């Protein structure tokens, strides 16, 4: 794992003393696409949160190369849907920093990703006014507008139609072509087929990596 920018080493996690993950080893290299597969409840979302630093492992460690920039797309929740943000405001969060205002480059990147995901015409609408697919495309735009080294995506295209899924896959391929890594949890065979490696969580709290 020497060339990896993000690693999980012998990672375990529990909820209220109930084990969810155990003995997970995973390395993420620049320009790689890794698919996390497994049944609901097998720990895919938990592993993404551990990799992102949102949660801390009970055993083992997650190591990120210094300076590595991460973008996390969690599963959509009712809390997200209920926020009073407009589509434009939600996407802008992806480029927000406490140290400076949005630059011309930031605004151009925001406009481009909204156009690519066909949400530009929804800019002033609030998230709660949108359809499920429109909300999901907005959240994907917020993640992909970030200038990240690793994109951690949880079921990104589950609520999307075929055309929208294709657009997302094209955008991910573009990010990978520039050297970014993608770790995606998915049940979609077409999505997992895009991966260099499939990392299967089998529900027994252990994991198996399958190389293609």
Protein backbone atom coordinates (compact mmCIF):
# COMPACT_ATOMS: atom_id res chain seq x y z
CA UNK A 1 0.00 0.00 0.00
CA UNK A 2 3.04 2.25 -0.28
CA UNK A 3 1.67 4.23 -3.24
CA UNK A 4 -1.80 4.59 -1.74
CA UNK A 5 -3.06 8.00 -0.70
CA UNK A 6 -5.78 6.57 1.55
CA UNK A 7 -5.64 3.30 3.49
CA UNK A 8 -7.66 1.34 6.02
CA UNK A 9 -5.56 -1.12 8.04
CA UNK A 10 -7.24 -3.85 10.10
CA UNK A 11 -10.19 -1.53 10.66
CA UNK A 12 -13.11 -2.46 12.86
CA UNK A 13 -16.19 -0.54 13.92
CA UNK A 14 -19.18 -1.09 16.21
CA UNK A 15 -22.49 0.54 16.93
CA UNK A 16 -23.42 0.27 20.62
CA UNK A 17 -20.97 -2.61 21.06
CA UNK A 18 -22.44 -4.47 18.08
CA UNK A 19 -19.66 -5.16 15.52
CA UNK A 20 -20.32 -3.81 12.04
CA UNK A 21 -16.89 -4.10 10.44
CA UNK A 22 -13.85 -6.14 11.40
CA UNK A 23 -10.40 -6.76 9.88
CA UNK A 24 -10.92 -4.45 6.90
CA UNK A 25 -7.82 -3.66 4.82
CA UNK A 26 -8.19 -1.35 1.84
CA UNK A 27 -5.80 0.80 -0.15
CA UNK A 28 -6.83 3.62 -2.48
CA UNK A 29 -4.37 4.85 -5.11
CA UNK A 30 -4.59 7.95 -7.27
CA UNK A 31 -6.57 7.37 -10.46
CA UNK A 32 -8.23 4.21 -9.14
CA UNK A 33 -11.93 3.35 -8.99
CA UNK A 34 -12.96 1.02 -6.18
CA UNK A 35 -16.50 -0.33 -5.85
CA UNK A 36 -17.83 -1.33 -2.44
CA UNK A 37 -20.48 -4.01 -2.77
CA UNK A 38 -22.55 -6.06 -0.35
CA UNK A 39 -26.05 -6.34 1.02
CA UNK A 40 -27.77 -3.54 2.90
CA UNK A 41 -26.35 -3.43 6.40
CA UNK A 42 -23.01 -4.97 5.42
CA UNK A 43 -21.12 -1.80 6.37
CA UNK A 44 -20.55 0.01 3.07
CA UNK A 45 -21.75 3.39 4.34
CA UNK A 46 -19.86 2.93 7.58
CA UNK A 47 -16.64 2.22 5.72
CA UNK A 48 -17.04 5.35 3.60
CA UNK A 49 -17.56 7.43 6.74
CA UNK A 50 -14.45 5.93 8.29
CA UNK A 51 -12.40 6.66 5.19
CA UNK A 52 -13.69 10.25 5.20
CA UNK A 53 -12.91 10.78 8.88
CA UNK A 54 -16.54 11.40 9.78
CA UNK A 55 -16.35 8.41 12.14
CA UNK A 56 -13.35 6.86 13.89
CA UNK A 57 -12.57 3.11 13.87
CA UNK A 58 -12.84 1.08 17.04
CA UNK A 59 -9.84 -0.98 15.93
CA UNK A 60 -7.12 -0.41 13.38
CA UNK A 61 -6.49 2.88 11.66
CA UNK A 62 -7.30 4.95 8.60
CA UNK A 63 -4.34 6.82 7.15
CA UNK A 64 -4.59 9.69 4.70
CA UNK A 65 -1.53 11.03 2.95
CA UNK A 66 -0.91 14.58 4.26
CA UNK A 67 -2.76 17.14 2.17
CA UNK A 68 -5.18 14.62 0.68
CA UNK A 69 -8.49 16.31 -0.13
CA UNK A 70 -11.62 14.23 0.34
CA UNK A 71 -15.18 14.75 -0.91
CA UNK A 72 -17.95 12.67 0.65
CA UNK A 73 -21.40 12.09 -0.82
CA UNK A 74 -23.48 10.36 1.89
CA UNK A 75 -26.81 8.71 1.25
CA UNK A 76 -29.60 11.23 0.97
CA UNK A 77 -31.63 11.64 4.15
CA UNK A 78 -34.83 13.41 5.13
CA UNK A 79 -32.71 15.97 6.99
CA UNK A 80 -30.95 16.91 3.77
CA UNK A 81 -34.23 17.08 1.87
CA UNK A 82 -35.74 19.41 4.46
CA UNK A 83 -32.99 22.04 4.37
CA UNK A 84 -34.05 25.54 3.21
CA UNK A 85 -31.09 25.80 0.82
CA UNK A 86 -31.58 26.53 -2.85
CA UNK A 87 -29.96 24.32 -5.47
CA UNK A 88 -27.29 26.95 -6.19
CA UNK A 89 -26.52 27.43 -2.49
CA UNK A 90 -26.21 23.68 -1.97
CA UNK A 91 -23.75 23.28 -4.84
CA UNK A 92 -21.75 26.33 -3.72
CA UNK A 93 -21.04 24.63 -0.39
CA UNK A 94 -18.73 22.33 -2.32
CA UNK A 95 -16.42 25.27 -3.10
CA UNK A 96 -16.82 27.13 0.17
CA UNK A 97 -13.84 27.90 2.38
CA UNK A 98 -13.59 29.99 5.53
CA UNK A 99 -10.43 31.63 4.25
CA UNK A 100 -11.80 33.31 1.14
CA UNK A 101 -14.86 34.19 -0.88
CA UNK A 102 -15.87 32.30 -3.98
CA UNK A 103 -13.52 33.17 -6.83
CA UNK A 104 -14.27 33.53 -10.52
CA UNK A 105 -12.89 30.01 -11.02
CA UNK A 106 -15.17 28.70 -8.26
CA UNK A 107 -18.22 30.24 -9.86
CA UNK A 108 -17.26 28.90 -13.28
CA UNK A 109 -16.84 25.39 -11.84
CA UNK A 110 -20.21 25.64 -10.09
CA UNK A 111 -21.96 26.82 -13.26
CA UNK A 112 -20.34 24.06 -15.32
CA UNK A 113 -21.23 21.18 -12.98
CA UNK A 114 -24.81 22.43 -12.68
CA UNK A 115 -25.07 22.57 -16.46
CA UNK A 116 -23.56 19.10 -16.88
CA UNK A 117 -26.01 17.60 -14.38
CA UNK A 118 -28.98 19.50 -15.85
CA UNK A 119 -29.84 21.45 -12.71
CA UNK A 120 -28.85 24.97 -13.83
CA UNK A 121 -32.48 25.86 -14.50
CA UNK A 122 -33.30 24.86 -10.91
CA UNK A 123 -30.76 27.20 -9.32
CA UNK A 124 -33.26 29.22 -7.26
CA UNK A 125 -35.50 26.35 -6.22
CA UNK A 126 -35.21 24.91 -2.74
CA UNK A 127 -34.20 21.31 -2.22
CA UNK A 128 -37.55 20.41 -0.67
CA UNK A 129 -39.31 21.56 -3.85
CA UNK A 130 -37.43 19.13 -6.09
CA UNK A 131 -38.05 15.58 -7.21
CA UNK A 132 -35.89 12.85 -5.72
CA UNK A 133 -33.73 12.65 -8.83
CA UNK A 134 -33.24 16.42 -8.97
CA UNK A 135 -32.19 16.51 -5.30
CA UNK A 136 -29.75 13.67 -5.87
CA UNK A 137 -28.18 15.40 -8.87
CA UNK A 138 -27.79 18.53 -6.75
CA UNK A 139 -25.96 16.61 -4.02
CA UNK A 140 -23.76 14.90 -6.61
CA UNK A 141 -22.92 18.33 -8.02
CA UNK A 142 -21.93 19.52 -4.54
CA UNK A 143 -19.52 16.59 -4.20
CA UNK A 144 -18.06 16.66 -7.71
CA UNK A 145 -17.54 20.43 -7.80
CA UNK A 146 -14.94 19.97 -5.07
CA UNK A 147 -11.33 19.82 -6.17
CA UNK A 148 -10.74 16.53 -4.37
CA UNK A 149 -8.10 13.82 -4.54
CA UNK A 150 -10.58 11.13 -3.44
CA UNK A 151 -14.35 11.09 -4.02
CA UNK A 152 -16.25 8.86 -1.57
CA UNK A 153 -19.72 8.24 -2.97
CA UNK A 154 -22.55 6.34 -1.30
CA UNK A 155 -25.12 4.99 -3.79
CA UNK A 156 -24.72 8.11 -5.95
CA UNK A 157 -27.01 7.09 -8.82
CA UNK A 158 -29.63 5.02 -7.01
CA UNK A 159 -32.42 7.55 -7.62
CA UNK A 160 -31.43 8.50 -11.16
CA UNK A 161 -32.70 7.54 -14.58
CA UNK A 162 -30.44 5.93 -17.18
CA UNK A 163 -29.47 9.20 -18.86
CA UNK A 164 -28.56 10.89 -15.57
CA UNK A 165 -26.56 7.85 -14.44
CA UNK A 166 -24.57 8.03 -17.67
CA UNK A 167 -23.81 11.71 -17.08
CA UNK A 168 -22.54 10.96 -13.57
CA UNK A 169 -20.36 8.12 -14.84
CA UNK A 170 -18.88 10.42 -17.48
CA UNK A 171 -18.06 13.02 -14.83
CA UNK A 172 -16.45 10.39 -12.61
CA UNK A 173 -14.35 9.15 -15.54
CA UNK A 174 -13.15 12.71 -16.12
CA UNK A 175 -12.12 13.06 -12.48
CA UNK A 176 -10.23 9.76 -12.63
CA UNK A 177 -8.49 10.81 -15.85
CA UNK A 178 -7.03 13.79 -13.97
CA UNK A 179 -5.66 11.49 -11.24
CA UNK A 180 -8.45 11.54 -8.66
CA UNK A 181 -9.58 8.32 -6.98
CA UNK A 182 -13.19 7.22 -6.60
CA UNK A 183 -14.58 4.88 -3.95
CA UNK A 184 -18.24 4.15 -4.65
CA UNK A 185 -20.71 2.05 -2.69
CA UNK A 186 -23.24 0.66 -5.13
CA UNK A 187 -25.73 -2.09 -5.92
CA UNK A 188 -25.72 -1.16 -9.62
CA UNK A 189 -23.83 -3.76 -11.74
CA UNK A 190 -23.22 -1.17 -14.47
CA UNK A 191 -21.63 1.13 -11.92
CA UNK A 192 -19.47 -1.51 -10.28
CA UNK A 193 -18.33 -2.66 -13.73
CA UNK A 194 -16.54 0.70 -14.07
CA UNK A 195 -14.28 -0.12 -11.12
CA UNK A 196 -10.70 -1.33 -11.23
CA UNK A 197 -11.37 -3.33 -8.07
CA UNK A 198 -14.49 -4.55 -6.33
CA UNK A 199 -14.33 -4.71 -2.54
CA UNK A 200 -17.09 -6.96 -1.25
CA UNK A 201 -18.46 -6.76 2.29
CA UNK A 202 -20.16 -10.09 2.87
CA UNK A 203 -22.15 -9.34 6.01
CA UNK A 204 -19.82 -11.27 8.28
CA UNK A 205 -17.91 -8.08 9.06
CA UNK A 206 -14.95 -9.12 6.93
CA UNK A 207 -14.08 -8.12 3.40
CA UNK A 208 -12.80 -9.55 0.16
CA UNK A 209 -11.07 -7.56 -2.57
CA UNK A 210 -11.68 -8.70 -6.14
CA UNK A 211 -9.35 -7.35 -8.81
CA UNK A 212 -10.39 -7.07 -12.43
